[in-house]
Amino acid sequence: YKFRRQKVIWPYILDFYCAKLYLWIEIDWWYHNDTQDYDDERSIWLSSKYWIKTVRFTNDDIEKNMEWVIQYLEDIIRDREKELWL
């Protein structure tokens, strides 16, 4: 699957987005700790309006546990394929 970096879905910019899977991967930076409510509202809005599923990882996840991140994404992609009948 192809993921686009910095995909604009107005009024948001999604970190990584796969149009075929309607899947958004967000890498949370340290400042996201203060914006959890906003992040949740944005995810709910994108899901209800465009069927986009949000998956979030922290920088620590990416830097320290990449094997787990890859396995988790593979599981999410398989689930998404079933949900969307791909």
Protein backbone atom coordinates (compact mmCIF):
# COMPACT_ATOMS: atom_id res chain seq x y z
CA TYR A 1 0.00 0.00 0.00
CA LYS A 2 1.11 3.52 -0.72
CA PHE A 3 1.18 6.09 2.05
CA ARG A 4 1.37 9.79 1.32
CA ARG A 5 3.23 12.04 3.67
CA GLN A 6 1.59 15.28 4.77
CA LYS A 7 -1.80 14.62 3.17
CA VAL A 8 -4.19 17.57 3.43
CA ILE A 9 -7.79 16.79 4.30
CA TRP A 10 -9.04 20.25 5.05
CA PRO A 11 -8.64 21.63 7.66
CA TYR A 12 -6.11 19.01 8.77
CA ILE A 13 -2.74 17.76 7.61
CA LEU A 14 -2.33 14.03 8.16
CA ASP A 15 1.18 12.75 8.88
CA PHE A 16 0.91 9.59 6.74
CA TYR A 17 -2.20 8.59 4.83
CA CYS A 18 -3.19 5.56 2.74
CA ALA A 19 -6.20 6.39 0.58
CA LYS A 20 -6.94 2.78 -0.34
CA LEU A 21 -7.19 1.75 3.32
CA TYR A 22 -8.61 5.04 4.63
CA LEU A 23 -5.81 4.82 7.18
CA TRP A 24 -4.05 7.70 8.87
CA ILE A 25 -0.87 7.18 10.84
CA GLU A 26 -0.02 9.95 13.23
CA ILE A 27 3.32 10.27 14.93
CA ASP A 28 2.69 12.14 18.17
CA TRP A 29 5.38 14.55 19.16
CA TRP A 30 6.02 15.56 22.75
CA TYR A 31 3.64 18.54 22.48
CA HIS A 32 0.67 16.29 21.69
CA ASN A 33 0.40 15.41 25.37
CA ASP A 34 -1.43 18.69 25.92
CA THR A 35 -3.81 18.28 22.98
CA GLN A 36 -5.34 14.85 23.60
CA ASP A 37 -8.94 16.13 23.50
CA TYR A 38 -8.32 17.96 20.22
CA ASP A 39 -6.64 14.88 18.73
CA ASP A 40 -9.56 12.67 19.75
CA GLU A 41 -12.14 15.08 18.32
CA ARG A 42 -10.20 15.29 15.05
CA SER A 43 -10.03 11.50 14.79
CA ILE A 44 -13.75 11.14 15.47
CA TRP A 45 -14.57 13.80 12.86
CA LEU A 46 -12.37 12.18 10.19
CA SER A 47 -13.84 8.78 10.96
CA SER A 48 -17.45 9.92 10.80
CA LYS A 49 -17.04 12.10 7.71
CA TYR A 50 -14.51 10.09 5.66
CA TRP A 51 -14.27 6.63 7.34
CA ILE A 52 -10.62 7.31 8.11
CA LYS A 53 -9.12 5.15 10.83
CA THR A 54 -6.46 6.78 13.00
CA VAL A 55 -3.43 4.96 14.35
CA ARG A 56 -1.10 6.84 16.65
CA PHE A 57 2.45 6.15 17.67
CA THR A 58 4.75 8.08 19.92
CA ASN A 59 8.26 9.06 18.98
CA ASP A 60 9.47 6.63 21.63
CA ASP A 61 7.54 3.81 19.94
CA ILE A 62 9.23 4.58 16.64
CA GLU A 63 12.70 5.05 18.06
CA LYS A 64 12.76 2.26 20.64
CA ASN A 65 10.31 -0.38 19.50
CA MET A 66 10.17 -0.36 15.71
CA GLU A 67 9.59 -4.13 15.46
CA TRP A 68 6.42 -3.77 17.53
CA VAL A 69 5.28 -0.79 15.41
CA ILE A 70 5.72 -2.79 12.20
CA GLN A 71 3.86 -5.80 13.60
CA TYR A 72 1.06 -3.59 14.89
CA LEU A 73 0.71 -1.88 11.50
CA GLU A 74 0.61 -5.22 9.72
CA ASP A 75 -2.24 -6.28 12.04
CA ILE A 76 -4.10 -3.02 11.49
CA ILE A 77 -3.72 -3.33 7.71
CA ARG A 78 -5.08 -6.89 7.75
CA ASP A 79 -8.05 -5.75 9.85
CA ARG A 80 -8.64 -2.81 7.55
CA GLU A 81 -8.59 -5.07 4.47
CA LYS A 82 -11.35 -7.17 6.05
CA GLU A 83 -13.37 -4.11 7.08
CA LEU A 84 -13.21 -2.65 3.58
CA TRP A 85 -13.47 -5.98 1.74
CA LEU A 86 -10.15 -5.51 -0.06
